[in-house]
N, C-alpha and C. Protein backbone atom coordinates (compact mmCIF):
# COMPACT_ATOMS: atom_id res chain seq x y z
N MET A 1 30.11 -14.60 -23.96
CA MET A 1 29.91 -13.15 -23.85
C MET A 1 28.43 -12.81 -23.76
N LYS A 2 27.60 -13.52 -24.58
CA LYS A 2 26.17 -13.23 -24.56
C LYS A 2 25.58 -13.51 -23.18
N MET A 3 26.12 -14.54 -22.50
CA MET A 3 25.60 -14.87 -21.18
C MET A 3 25.95 -13.80 -20.16
N MET A 4 27.02 -13.03 -20.43
CA MET A 4 27.44 -12.01 -19.48
C MET A 4 26.57 -10.76 -19.55
N ILE A 5 25.92 -10.53 -20.70
CA ILE A 5 25.15 -9.29 -20.88
C ILE A 5 24.05 -9.14 -19.83
N PRO A 6 23.20 -10.17 -19.60
CA PRO A 6 22.17 -10.01 -18.57
C PRO A 6 22.75 -9.74 -17.19
N ILE A 7 23.90 -10.39 -16.89
CA ILE A 7 24.54 -10.18 -15.58
C ILE A 7 25.02 -8.75 -15.45
N ILE A 8 25.62 -8.22 -16.51
CA ILE A 8 26.11 -6.84 -16.50
C ILE A 8 24.96 -5.87 -16.32
N ILE A 9 23.86 -6.11 -17.06
CA ILE A 9 22.68 -5.23 -16.95
C ILE A 9 22.14 -5.26 -15.53
N PHE A 10 22.09 -6.46 -14.95
CA PHE A 10 21.58 -6.59 -13.57
C PHE A 10 22.46 -5.83 -12.59
N MET A 11 23.80 -5.94 -12.74
CA MET A 11 24.71 -5.25 -11.83
C MET A 11 24.60 -3.75 -11.96
N ILE A 12 24.46 -3.26 -13.20
CA ILE A 12 24.31 -1.82 -13.42
C ILE A 12 23.02 -1.33 -12.79
N SER A 13 21.95 -2.11 -12.95
CA SER A 13 20.66 -1.74 -12.36
C SER A 13 20.76 -1.63 -10.85
N CYS A 14 21.45 -2.60 -10.23
CA CYS A 14 21.62 -2.58 -8.78
C CYS A 14 22.41 -1.35 -8.33
N LEU A 15 23.45 -1.02 -9.10
CA LEU A 15 24.26 0.15 -8.77
C LEU A 15 23.45 1.43 -8.90
N LEU A 16 22.64 1.53 -9.96
CA LEU A 16 21.81 2.72 -10.15
C LEU A 16 20.79 2.85 -9.03
N PHE A 17 20.20 1.71 -8.64
CA PHE A 17 19.22 1.75 -7.55
C PHE A 17 19.88 2.19 -6.25
N SER A 18 21.07 1.61 -5.98
CA SER A 18 21.79 1.97 -4.76
C SER A 18 22.14 3.44 -4.74
N PHE A 19 22.56 3.95 -5.90
CA PHE A 19 22.94 5.36 -5.99
C PHE A 19 21.75 6.26 -5.76
N SER A 20 20.64 5.93 -6.42
CA SER A 20 19.46 6.80 -6.32
C SER A 20 18.86 6.76 -4.93
N SER A 21 18.86 5.59 -4.27
CA SER A 21 18.23 5.48 -2.97
C SER A 21 19.08 6.06 -1.86
N SER A 22 20.38 6.24 -2.12
CA SER A 22 21.26 6.76 -1.08
C SER A 22 21.43 8.26 -1.16
N GLN A 23 20.91 8.88 -2.22
CA GLN A 23 21.07 10.31 -2.38
C GLN A 23 20.09 11.07 -1.51
N PRO A 24 20.54 12.09 -0.79
CA PRO A 24 19.63 12.89 0.02
C PRO A 24 18.72 13.72 -0.87
N SER A 25 17.54 14.03 -0.33
CA SER A 25 16.62 14.88 -1.06
C SER A 25 17.21 16.28 -1.17
N MET A 26 16.88 16.99 -2.25
CA MET A 26 17.36 18.36 -2.40
C MET A 26 16.59 19.31 -1.49
N PHE A 27 15.49 18.82 -0.89
CA PHE A 27 14.71 19.63 0.03
C PHE A 27 14.70 18.98 1.41
N ASP A 28 14.63 19.79 2.45
CA ASP A 28 14.53 19.25 3.80
C ASP A 28 13.18 18.59 4.03
N PHE A 29 12.14 19.14 3.40
CA PHE A 29 10.78 18.63 3.57
C PHE A 29 9.91 19.12 2.43
N CYS A 30 8.73 18.53 2.34
CA CYS A 30 7.75 18.92 1.33
C CYS A 30 6.39 18.98 2.03
N VAL A 31 6.14 20.07 2.72
CA VAL A 31 4.88 20.23 3.45
C VAL A 31 3.71 20.21 2.47
N ALA A 32 2.69 19.44 2.80
CA ALA A 32 1.55 19.28 1.90
C ALA A 32 0.80 20.59 1.70
N ASP A 33 0.49 20.88 0.45
CA ASP A 33 -0.36 22.02 0.11
C ASP A 33 -1.79 21.49 -0.04
N HIS A 34 -2.59 21.67 0.99
CA HIS A 34 -3.95 21.12 0.99
C HIS A 34 -4.91 21.89 0.09
N THR A 35 -4.43 22.98 -0.50
CA THR A 35 -5.30 23.70 -1.45
C THR A 35 -5.27 23.05 -2.82
N LEU A 36 -4.34 22.11 -3.01
CA LEU A 36 -4.23 21.39 -4.28
C LEU A 36 -4.66 19.94 -4.07
N PRO A 37 -5.12 19.27 -5.13
CA PRO A 37 -5.63 17.90 -4.98
C PRO A 37 -4.54 16.90 -4.61
N PHE A 38 -4.96 15.84 -3.94
CA PHE A 38 -4.06 14.74 -3.58
C PHE A 38 -3.91 13.82 -4.78
N GLY A 39 -2.68 13.47 -5.14
CA GLY A 39 -2.42 12.62 -6.30
C GLY A 39 -1.69 11.35 -5.93
N PRO A 40 -1.36 10.51 -6.91
CA PRO A 40 -0.65 9.25 -6.64
C PRO A 40 0.67 9.44 -5.90
N ALA A 41 1.31 10.57 -6.10
CA ALA A 41 2.59 10.83 -5.44
C ALA A 41 2.41 11.65 -4.16
N GLY A 42 1.17 11.83 -3.73
CA GLY A 42 0.91 12.63 -2.53
C GLY A 42 0.48 14.04 -2.88
N TYR A 43 0.70 14.94 -1.94
CA TYR A 43 0.35 16.34 -2.16
C TYR A 43 1.53 17.09 -2.78
N SER A 44 1.21 18.15 -3.48
CA SER A 44 2.25 19.06 -3.96
C SER A 44 2.84 19.81 -2.77
N CYS A 45 4.05 20.32 -2.96
CA CYS A 45 4.73 21.02 -1.87
C CYS A 45 4.18 22.42 -1.67
N LYS A 46 4.00 22.76 -0.43
CA LYS A 46 3.60 24.11 -0.06
C LYS A 46 4.78 25.06 -0.27
N ASN A 47 4.50 26.29 -0.63
CA ASN A 47 5.55 27.29 -0.77
C ASN A 47 6.33 27.37 0.55
N PRO A 48 7.66 27.14 0.52
CA PRO A 48 8.44 27.15 1.76
C PRO A 48 8.29 28.43 2.57
N LEU A 49 8.02 29.54 1.90
CA LEU A 49 7.84 30.81 2.60
C LEU A 49 6.55 30.84 3.41
N MET A 50 5.63 29.91 3.08
CA MET A 50 4.34 29.86 3.77
C MET A 50 4.32 28.79 4.87
N VAL A 51 5.41 28.04 5.00
CA VAL A 51 5.47 26.97 5.99
C VAL A 51 5.70 27.55 7.39
N ASN A 52 5.00 26.99 8.39
CA ASN A 52 5.23 27.40 9.77
C ASN A 52 5.25 26.18 10.67
N VAL A 53 5.58 26.38 11.92
CA VAL A 53 5.79 25.26 12.85
C VAL A 53 4.53 24.43 13.05
N ASN A 54 3.36 25.03 12.89
CA ASN A 54 2.12 24.28 13.07
C ASN A 54 1.91 23.22 11.99
N ASP A 55 2.63 23.34 10.87
CA ASP A 55 2.54 22.32 9.82
C ASP A 55 3.15 20.99 10.25
N PHE A 56 3.90 21.01 11.35
CA PHE A 56 4.58 19.80 11.81
C PHE A 56 4.02 19.29 13.14
N SER A 57 2.85 19.78 13.53
CA SER A 57 2.33 19.45 14.85
C SER A 57 0.83 19.19 14.83
N SER A 58 0.37 18.33 15.74
CA SER A 58 -1.06 18.08 15.92
C SER A 58 -1.28 17.48 17.30
N SER A 59 -2.38 17.84 17.94
CA SER A 59 -2.71 17.27 19.25
C SER A 59 -3.96 16.40 19.19
N GLY A 60 -4.49 16.20 17.98
CA GLY A 60 -5.74 15.46 17.82
C GLY A 60 -5.68 14.02 18.25
N ILE A 61 -4.49 13.44 18.21
CA ILE A 61 -4.35 12.02 18.54
C ILE A 61 -4.58 11.76 20.03
N LEU A 62 -4.57 12.83 20.84
CA LEU A 62 -4.83 12.68 22.26
C LEU A 62 -6.30 12.46 22.55
N ASN A 63 -7.15 12.84 21.60
CA ASN A 63 -8.59 12.74 21.80
C ASN A 63 -9.06 11.30 21.63
N ALA A 64 -9.86 10.82 22.58
CA ALA A 64 -10.42 9.47 22.47
C ALA A 64 -11.39 9.42 21.31
N PRO A 65 -11.25 8.46 20.40
CA PRO A 65 -12.14 8.37 19.24
C PRO A 65 -13.51 7.83 19.62
N ASN A 66 -14.47 8.04 18.74
CA ASN A 66 -15.82 7.53 18.93
C ASN A 66 -15.84 6.02 18.68
N THR A 67 -16.30 5.27 19.65
CA THR A 67 -16.37 3.81 19.51
C THR A 67 -17.82 3.31 19.46
N ASP A 68 -18.75 4.24 19.26
CA ASP A 68 -20.17 3.88 19.21
C ASP A 68 -20.53 3.43 17.80
N ASN A 69 -20.13 2.24 17.45
CA ASN A 69 -20.39 1.70 16.12
C ASN A 69 -20.44 0.18 16.20
N ILE A 70 -20.69 -0.45 15.08
CA ILE A 70 -20.86 -1.90 15.05
C ILE A 70 -19.62 -2.65 15.53
N TYR A 71 -18.44 -2.03 15.35
CA TYR A 71 -17.20 -2.69 15.74
C TYR A 71 -16.80 -2.43 17.19
N LYS A 72 -17.43 -1.43 17.82
CA LYS A 72 -17.06 -0.98 19.16
C LYS A 72 -15.59 -0.54 19.18
N ALA A 73 -15.17 0.08 18.09
CA ALA A 73 -13.78 0.53 17.96
C ALA A 73 -13.75 1.85 17.18
N GLY A 74 -12.70 2.62 17.42
CA GLY A 74 -12.56 3.88 16.69
C GLY A 74 -11.11 4.31 16.67
N LEU A 75 -10.79 5.26 15.82
CA LEU A 75 -9.41 5.74 15.74
C LEU A 75 -9.34 7.24 15.56
N SER A 76 -8.28 7.81 16.14
CA SER A 76 -7.92 9.21 15.93
C SER A 76 -6.61 9.20 15.17
N THR A 77 -6.54 9.92 14.07
CA THR A 77 -5.38 9.80 13.18
C THR A 77 -4.48 11.03 13.20
N ALA A 78 -3.22 10.78 12.96
CA ALA A 78 -2.23 11.83 12.71
C ALA A 78 -1.62 11.52 11.36
N PHE A 79 -2.46 11.66 10.33
CA PHE A 79 -2.04 11.43 8.95
C PHE A 79 -1.70 12.78 8.31
N VAL A 80 -1.36 12.75 7.05
CA VAL A 80 -0.92 13.96 6.36
C VAL A 80 -2.03 15.00 6.26
N ASP A 81 -3.28 14.59 6.34
CA ASP A 81 -4.36 15.58 6.30
C ASP A 81 -4.39 16.41 7.57
N ALA A 82 -3.87 15.85 8.68
CA ALA A 82 -3.83 16.58 9.95
C ALA A 82 -2.48 17.23 10.20
N ILE A 83 -1.41 16.60 9.70
CA ILE A 83 -0.05 17.13 9.86
C ILE A 83 0.57 17.26 8.48
N PRO A 84 0.45 18.41 7.83
CA PRO A 84 0.97 18.58 6.47
C PRO A 84 2.45 18.25 6.33
N GLY A 85 3.20 18.42 7.42
CA GLY A 85 4.64 18.16 7.37
C GLY A 85 5.00 16.71 7.18
N LEU A 86 4.04 15.80 7.31
CA LEU A 86 4.30 14.37 7.08
C LEU A 86 4.43 14.03 5.60
N ASN A 87 3.99 14.92 4.74
CA ASN A 87 3.98 14.65 3.31
C ASN A 87 5.35 14.21 2.80
N GLY A 88 5.40 13.04 2.18
CA GLY A 88 6.64 12.54 1.60
C GLY A 88 7.57 11.86 2.58
N LEU A 89 7.23 11.84 3.87
CA LEU A 89 8.12 11.24 4.86
C LEU A 89 7.87 9.76 5.08
N GLY A 90 6.73 9.25 4.61
CA GLY A 90 6.45 7.82 4.71
C GLY A 90 6.22 7.34 6.13
N ILE A 91 5.55 8.16 6.93
CA ILE A 91 5.26 7.75 8.30
C ILE A 91 4.03 8.48 8.80
N SER A 92 3.26 7.84 9.69
CA SER A 92 2.11 8.47 10.32
C SER A 92 1.70 7.64 11.53
N LEU A 93 0.76 8.19 12.30
CA LEU A 93 0.32 7.52 13.52
C LEU A 93 -1.20 7.50 13.62
N ALA A 94 -1.71 6.57 14.41
CA ALA A 94 -3.14 6.54 14.72
C ALA A 94 -3.33 5.96 16.11
N ARG A 95 -4.27 6.54 16.83
CA ARG A 95 -4.68 5.97 18.11
C ARG A 95 -5.92 5.12 17.86
N VAL A 96 -5.93 3.89 18.36
CA VAL A 96 -7.06 2.99 18.17
C VAL A 96 -7.59 2.56 19.54
N ASP A 97 -8.86 2.86 19.79
CA ASP A 97 -9.53 2.43 21.02
C ASP A 97 -10.49 1.29 20.68
N VAL A 98 -10.47 0.23 21.46
CA VAL A 98 -11.37 -0.90 21.25
C VAL A 98 -12.06 -1.23 22.57
N GLN A 99 -13.38 -1.13 22.58
CA GLN A 99 -14.15 -1.42 23.78
C GLN A 99 -14.17 -2.94 24.05
N PRO A 100 -14.48 -3.36 25.28
CA PRO A 100 -14.63 -4.79 25.56
C PRO A 100 -15.63 -5.43 24.60
N GLY A 101 -15.25 -6.54 24.00
CA GLY A 101 -16.09 -7.19 23.01
C GLY A 101 -15.99 -6.59 21.63
N GLY A 102 -15.15 -5.57 21.49
CA GLY A 102 -15.00 -4.91 20.20
C GLY A 102 -13.92 -5.53 19.34
N VAL A 103 -13.92 -5.16 18.07
CA VAL A 103 -12.94 -5.69 17.13
C VAL A 103 -12.49 -4.62 16.15
N VAL A 104 -11.29 -4.78 15.65
CA VAL A 104 -10.88 -4.13 14.41
C VAL A 104 -10.93 -5.25 13.39
N PRO A 105 -11.93 -5.25 12.50
CA PRO A 105 -12.19 -6.41 11.65
C PRO A 105 -11.08 -6.66 10.63
N LEU A 106 -11.14 -7.82 10.00
CA LEU A 106 -10.16 -8.14 8.96
C LEU A 106 -10.05 -7.01 7.95
N HIS A 107 -8.84 -6.51 7.79
CA HIS A 107 -8.62 -5.42 6.85
C HIS A 107 -7.16 -5.46 6.38
N THR A 108 -6.86 -4.61 5.44
CA THR A 108 -5.50 -4.55 4.91
C THR A 108 -5.12 -3.12 4.61
N HIS A 109 -3.82 -2.84 4.71
CA HIS A 109 -3.25 -1.56 4.29
C HIS A 109 -2.34 -1.88 3.09
N PRO A 110 -2.83 -1.72 1.87
CA PRO A 110 -2.05 -2.12 0.69
C PRO A 110 -0.71 -1.40 0.56
N ASP A 111 -0.62 -0.22 1.16
CA ASP A 111 0.58 0.60 0.95
C ASP A 111 1.39 0.84 2.22
N ALA A 112 1.12 0.07 3.29
CA ALA A 112 1.82 0.39 4.53
C ALA A 112 2.01 -0.81 5.45
N THR A 113 3.17 -0.86 6.08
CA THR A 113 3.42 -1.73 7.22
C THR A 113 2.88 -1.03 8.46
N GLU A 114 2.42 -1.80 9.43
CA GLU A 114 1.88 -1.22 10.67
C GLU A 114 2.63 -1.79 11.87
N VAL A 115 2.96 -0.92 12.81
CA VAL A 115 3.58 -1.34 14.07
C VAL A 115 2.67 -0.91 15.20
N ILE A 116 2.15 -1.88 15.95
CA ILE A 116 1.21 -1.63 17.04
C ILE A 116 1.95 -1.61 18.37
N THR A 117 1.73 -0.56 19.16
CA THR A 117 2.24 -0.48 20.52
C THR A 117 1.05 -0.36 21.47
N MET A 118 0.90 -1.30 22.39
CA MET A 118 -0.21 -1.27 23.33
C MET A 118 0.05 -0.25 24.44
N LEU A 119 -0.88 0.69 24.59
CA LEU A 119 -0.76 1.70 25.63
C LEU A 119 -1.58 1.33 26.87
N GLN A 120 -2.65 0.57 26.65
CA GLN A 120 -3.55 0.23 27.75
C GLN A 120 -4.35 -1.01 27.40
N GLY A 121 -4.55 -1.89 28.36
CA GLY A 121 -5.40 -3.06 28.15
C GLY A 121 -4.71 -4.18 27.40
N ASN A 122 -5.53 -5.07 26.85
CA ASN A 122 -5.04 -6.25 26.14
C ASN A 122 -5.82 -6.46 24.85
N LEU A 123 -5.15 -7.02 23.86
CA LEU A 123 -5.77 -7.33 22.58
C LEU A 123 -5.23 -8.66 22.06
N THR A 124 -6.06 -9.36 21.32
CA THR A 124 -5.59 -10.48 20.51
C THR A 124 -5.41 -9.94 19.11
N VAL A 125 -4.18 -9.99 18.61
CA VAL A 125 -3.88 -9.43 17.29
C VAL A 125 -3.32 -10.53 16.40
N GLY A 126 -3.45 -10.34 15.10
CA GLY A 126 -2.91 -11.34 14.20
C GLY A 126 -3.00 -10.93 12.75
N PHE A 127 -2.27 -11.66 11.92
CA PHE A 127 -2.33 -11.44 10.47
C PHE A 127 -2.23 -12.78 9.77
N ILE A 128 -2.62 -12.77 8.50
CA ILE A 128 -2.60 -13.97 7.67
C ILE A 128 -1.64 -13.74 6.51
N SER A 129 -0.64 -14.60 6.38
CA SER A 129 0.35 -14.43 5.31
C SER A 129 -0.23 -14.86 3.97
N SER A 130 0.52 -14.61 2.91
CA SER A 130 0.04 -14.92 1.56
C SER A 130 -0.06 -16.42 1.30
N ASN A 131 0.56 -17.24 2.16
CA ASN A 131 0.40 -18.70 2.03
C ASN A 131 -0.61 -19.24 3.05
N ASN A 132 -1.42 -18.31 3.59
CA ASN A 132 -2.53 -18.63 4.51
C ASN A 132 -2.07 -19.18 5.86
N THR A 133 -0.86 -18.83 6.26
CA THR A 133 -0.41 -19.11 7.62
C THR A 133 -0.91 -18.00 8.54
N VAL A 134 -1.48 -18.38 9.68
CA VAL A 134 -2.04 -17.40 10.61
C VAL A 134 -1.07 -17.18 11.77
N TYR A 135 -0.79 -15.91 12.08
CA TYR A 135 0.08 -15.54 13.19
C TYR A 135 -0.76 -14.74 14.19
N VAL A 136 -1.01 -15.30 15.37
CA VAL A 136 -1.88 -14.68 16.37
C VAL A 136 -1.16 -14.61 17.71
N LYS A 137 -1.35 -13.49 18.41
CA LYS A 137 -0.71 -13.33 19.72
C LYS A 137 -1.56 -12.40 20.59
N SER A 138 -1.61 -12.70 21.87
CA SER A 138 -2.25 -11.81 22.84
C SER A 138 -1.20 -10.84 23.36
N ILE A 139 -1.48 -9.55 23.29
CA ILE A 139 -0.51 -8.55 23.72
C ILE A 139 -1.14 -7.63 24.77
N GLY A 140 -0.28 -7.11 25.64
CA GLY A 140 -0.73 -6.22 26.69
C GLY A 140 0.07 -4.94 26.71
N THR A 141 -0.18 -4.13 27.71
CA THR A 141 0.46 -2.82 27.83
C THR A 141 1.98 -2.90 27.67
N GLY A 142 2.50 -2.10 26.75
CA GLY A 142 3.94 -2.06 26.50
C GLY A 142 4.41 -3.00 25.41
N ASP A 143 3.57 -3.93 24.99
CA ASP A 143 3.96 -4.87 23.93
C ASP A 143 3.88 -4.21 22.56
N VAL A 144 4.69 -4.74 21.65
CA VAL A 144 4.73 -4.24 20.27
C VAL A 144 4.47 -5.41 19.33
N PHE A 145 3.71 -5.16 18.26
CA PHE A 145 3.40 -6.20 17.28
C PHE A 145 3.46 -5.58 15.89
N VAL A 146 4.08 -6.30 14.95
CA VAL A 146 4.29 -5.80 13.59
C VAL A 146 3.35 -6.49 12.61
N ILE A 147 2.70 -5.69 11.76
CA ILE A 147 1.85 -6.21 10.69
C ILE A 147 2.54 -5.90 9.36
N PRO A 148 3.05 -6.91 8.64
CA PRO A 148 3.70 -6.65 7.36
C PRO A 148 2.74 -6.00 6.35
N ARG A 149 3.32 -5.24 5.48
CA ARG A 149 2.55 -4.49 4.49
C ARG A 149 1.62 -5.37 3.66
N GLY A 150 0.38 -4.91 3.53
CA GLY A 150 -0.56 -5.51 2.61
C GLY A 150 -1.26 -6.77 3.09
N LEU A 151 -0.91 -7.29 4.27
CA LEU A 151 -1.51 -8.55 4.73
C LEU A 151 -2.79 -8.30 5.53
N LEU A 152 -3.74 -9.23 5.39
CA LEU A 152 -4.97 -9.16 6.18
C LEU A 152 -4.63 -9.30 7.66
N HIS A 153 -5.25 -8.45 8.49
CA HIS A 153 -4.99 -8.53 9.92
C HIS A 153 -6.20 -8.05 10.71
N PHE A 154 -6.14 -8.22 12.03
CA PHE A 154 -7.29 -7.94 12.88
C PHE A 154 -6.83 -7.71 14.32
N GLN A 155 -7.72 -7.14 15.13
CA GLN A 155 -7.53 -7.00 16.56
C GLN A 155 -8.86 -7.31 17.25
N VAL A 156 -8.80 -8.03 18.37
CA VAL A 156 -10.00 -8.40 19.12
C VAL A 156 -9.77 -8.11 20.60
N ASN A 157 -10.72 -7.41 21.21
CA ASN A 157 -10.66 -7.17 22.65
C ASN A 157 -11.61 -8.13 23.35
N SER A 158 -11.05 -9.20 23.90
CA SER A 158 -11.85 -10.21 24.58
C SER A 158 -11.91 -9.98 26.09
N GLY A 159 -11.31 -8.87 26.53
CA GLY A 159 -11.26 -8.59 27.96
C GLY A 159 -12.46 -7.80 28.45
N ILE A 160 -12.32 -7.23 29.65
CA ILE A 160 -13.41 -6.48 30.27
C ILE A 160 -13.09 -4.99 30.36
N ASN A 161 -11.93 -4.59 29.85
CA ASN A 161 -11.51 -3.19 29.92
C ASN A 161 -11.22 -2.63 28.53
N LEU A 162 -11.29 -1.32 28.43
CA LEU A 162 -10.94 -0.63 27.18
C LEU A 162 -9.48 -0.90 26.83
N SER A 163 -9.21 -1.12 25.57
CA SER A 163 -7.82 -1.23 25.10
C SER A 163 -7.50 -0.03 24.23
N VAL A 164 -6.28 0.46 24.38
CA VAL A 164 -5.81 1.60 23.61
C VAL A 164 -4.47 1.24 23.00
N GLU A 165 -4.35 1.45 21.71
CA GLU A 165 -3.08 1.17 21.03
C GLU A 165 -2.65 2.37 20.21
N LEU A 166 -1.36 2.47 19.98
CA LEU A 166 -0.81 3.47 19.08
C LEU A 166 -0.22 2.73 17.89
N SER A 167 -0.74 3.01 16.70
CA SER A 167 -0.26 2.34 15.49
C SER A 167 0.56 3.31 14.65
N ALA A 168 1.75 2.86 14.26
CA ALA A 168 2.60 3.63 13.35
C ALA A 168 2.56 2.97 11.98
N PHE A 169 2.52 3.79 10.93
CA PHE A 169 2.42 3.29 9.56
C PHE A 169 3.59 3.80 8.72
N SER A 170 3.99 2.98 7.75
CA SER A 170 5.07 3.37 6.83
C SER A 170 4.52 4.12 5.63
N SER A 171 3.54 4.97 5.89
CA SER A 171 2.93 5.82 4.87
C SER A 171 2.37 7.03 5.57
N SER A 172 2.42 8.18 4.92
CA SER A 172 1.85 9.38 5.53
C SER A 172 0.34 9.44 5.36
N ASN A 173 -0.20 8.57 4.52
CA ASN A 173 -1.64 8.53 4.28
C ASN A 173 -2.05 7.09 3.94
N PRO A 174 -1.96 6.16 4.90
CA PRO A 174 -2.20 4.74 4.60
C PRO A 174 -3.63 4.45 4.16
N ASN A 175 -3.76 3.67 3.11
CA ASN A 175 -5.08 3.23 2.66
C ASN A 175 -5.53 2.04 3.49
N THR A 176 -6.83 1.92 3.66
CA THR A 176 -7.40 0.81 4.43
C THR A 176 -8.58 0.21 3.68
N GLN A 177 -8.60 -1.11 3.56
CA GLN A 177 -9.76 -1.79 2.99
C GLN A 177 -10.22 -2.85 3.97
N ILE A 178 -11.47 -2.69 4.45
CA ILE A 178 -12.08 -3.63 5.39
C ILE A 178 -12.85 -4.68 4.60
N VAL A 179 -12.55 -5.95 4.84
CA VAL A 179 -13.15 -7.03 4.05
C VAL A 179 -14.67 -7.02 4.14
N ASP A 180 -15.21 -6.92 5.35
CA ASP A 180 -16.67 -6.93 5.51
C ASP A 180 -17.33 -5.81 4.70
N GLU A 181 -16.73 -4.63 4.74
CA GLU A 181 -17.33 -3.49 4.05
C GLU A 181 -17.16 -3.60 2.54
N ALA A 182 -16.04 -4.18 2.11
CA ALA A 182 -15.83 -4.38 0.67
C ALA A 182 -16.89 -5.30 0.09
N LEU A 183 -17.30 -6.29 0.87
CA LEU A 183 -18.29 -7.26 0.39
C LEU A 183 -19.72 -6.79 0.61
N PHE A 184 -20.01 -6.25 1.80
CA PHE A 184 -21.40 -6.04 2.19
C PHE A 184 -21.83 -4.58 2.27
N LYS A 185 -20.90 -3.65 2.18
CA LYS A 185 -21.26 -2.23 2.18
C LYS A 185 -21.23 -1.67 0.76
N SER A 186 -20.77 -2.47 -0.18
CA SER A 186 -20.67 -2.06 -1.58
C SER A 186 -21.94 -2.47 -2.33
N ASN A 187 -21.91 -2.27 -3.64
CA ASN A 187 -23.05 -2.69 -4.48
C ASN A 187 -22.74 -3.98 -5.24
N LEU A 188 -21.75 -4.74 -4.76
CA LEU A 188 -21.42 -6.02 -5.38
C LEU A 188 -22.63 -6.95 -5.27
N ALA A 189 -23.02 -7.55 -6.38
CA ALA A 189 -24.23 -8.36 -6.43
C ALA A 189 -24.17 -9.55 -5.48
N THR A 190 -25.30 -9.83 -4.84
CA THR A 190 -25.40 -10.95 -3.90
C THR A 190 -24.99 -12.27 -4.55
N LYS A 191 -25.43 -12.49 -5.79
CA LYS A 191 -25.11 -13.77 -6.44
C LYS A 191 -23.62 -13.93 -6.68
N ILE A 192 -22.93 -12.82 -6.89
CA ILE A 192 -21.47 -12.90 -7.09
C ILE A 192 -20.79 -13.20 -5.76
N ILE A 193 -21.24 -12.55 -4.70
CA ILE A 193 -20.67 -12.82 -3.37
C ILE A 193 -20.90 -14.28 -2.99
N THR A 194 -22.11 -14.76 -3.21
CA THR A 194 -22.44 -16.16 -2.90
C THR A 194 -21.57 -17.12 -3.69
N ALA A 195 -21.39 -16.84 -4.97
CA ALA A 195 -20.61 -17.73 -5.84
C ALA A 195 -19.13 -17.74 -5.47
N THR A 196 -18.61 -16.60 -5.03
CA THR A 196 -17.17 -16.50 -4.78
C THR A 196 -16.78 -16.77 -3.33
N THR A 197 -17.73 -16.73 -2.41
CA THR A 197 -17.41 -16.96 -1.00
C THR A 197 -18.11 -18.18 -0.42
N PHE A 198 -19.10 -18.72 -1.14
CA PHE A 198 -19.90 -19.86 -0.67
C PHE A 198 -20.75 -19.53 0.56
N ILE A 199 -20.98 -18.23 0.79
CA ILE A 199 -21.86 -17.80 1.87
C ILE A 199 -23.30 -17.88 1.39
N ASN A 200 -24.17 -18.40 2.22
CA ASN A 200 -25.59 -18.53 1.90
C ASN A 200 -26.17 -17.17 1.50
N PRO A 201 -26.94 -17.09 0.40
CA PRO A 201 -27.49 -15.81 -0.05
C PRO A 201 -28.34 -15.10 1.00
N ILE A 202 -29.02 -15.86 1.85
CA ILE A 202 -29.82 -15.24 2.91
C ILE A 202 -28.91 -14.50 3.89
N GLU A 203 -27.77 -15.11 4.20
CA GLU A 203 -26.81 -14.47 5.10
C GLU A 203 -26.18 -13.25 4.43
N VAL A 204 -25.91 -13.33 3.14
CA VAL A 204 -25.37 -12.19 2.40
C VAL A 204 -26.33 -11.02 2.46
N LEU A 205 -27.61 -11.28 2.24
CA LEU A 205 -28.62 -10.22 2.29
C LEU A 205 -28.72 -9.63 3.69
N ARG A 206 -28.61 -10.48 4.71
CA ARG A 206 -28.66 -9.98 6.09
C ARG A 206 -27.49 -9.04 6.37
N LEU A 207 -26.31 -9.43 5.89
CA LEU A 207 -25.12 -8.61 6.11
C LEU A 207 -25.17 -7.32 5.29
N LYS A 208 -25.72 -7.39 4.09
CA LYS A 208 -25.87 -6.18 3.28
C LYS A 208 -26.83 -5.20 3.97
N LEU A 209 -27.86 -5.72 4.60
CA LEU A 209 -28.79 -4.87 5.34
C LEU A 209 -28.09 -4.26 6.55
N LEU A 210 -27.28 -5.06 7.23
CA LEU A 210 -26.55 -4.58 8.40
C LEU A 210 -25.57 -3.48 8.04
N PHE A 211 -24.84 -3.66 6.92
CA PHE A 211 -23.82 -2.70 6.51
C PHE A 211 -24.36 -1.63 5.56
N LYS A 212 -25.67 -1.70 5.25
CA LYS A 212 -26.31 -0.73 4.37
C LYS A 212 -25.72 -0.77 2.95
N GLY A 213 -25.44 -1.98 2.48
CA GLY A 213 -24.98 -2.15 1.11
C GLY A 213 -26.15 -2.35 0.17
N SER A 214 -25.87 -2.61 -1.08
CA SER A 214 -26.91 -2.86 -2.08
C SER A 214 -26.46 -3.98 -3.00
N GLY A 215 -27.33 -4.35 -3.95
CA GLY A 215 -26.98 -5.41 -4.90
C GLY A 215 -27.47 -6.77 -4.47
C-alpha cells in the first residue's frame, strides 16, 4: 500500500495539470496596459472598455531595420510593447535583416522557442544542444528552421546579397542574451573571463574595448 501512495499522488497531479491546462481562459484577451510596469507575469490587463482595434495591430515590422553596426544585422520587432494585444498569448514576431558578411551572433532566448522563415536570400543557421551537439544548415527563401527554447544559436550571411527572415517566438516578449555582449560589454573582470574561458587577457581587453565594456 505504501508503494501505491507515490503512484496515486503522481496520477492525481497529472489529472490536475491536464484539467487546468485544458480549461479556457475566462477572458478572450488581456491587452497590455503600458501605463503599468511590466512584471514576471507580463503586463496587467487594460480596461476592456478602453481596448480598441489598434491594440491588435502594427505595421512596424515592414520597416527595414538598421544594420549599420558591428554585426551588420538588425531587427524590427512586433513584440508586446508594439502590439499590446499580444500580452498573455505567448507569441510574437521579428523581422531580421543580415547584410552580406553579417551575423546574428551566438545568443539565447531563455524563455522562447524560435521559428525562422526565410523571406529573402540565404543564411547559415544553427544551434548547439545541451550535450554540445551542433546542428547547422544552409537555408534559402521559403525554408523554415526551428530553434528549441533556451539553446545557443546563430545566423551567418556568407552570400553577396541581403538576407531577410521572419522569426516567430513562443513568447510575447522574448528575452535575448548575446554571449559576446554578456562577456565583453559587461563589467565582468578580465581575469575572471580569462580564467573561465581560457581566452588570452590581451584579447579580452581588445574585445572589451570593441564592445565598450569595463573590468
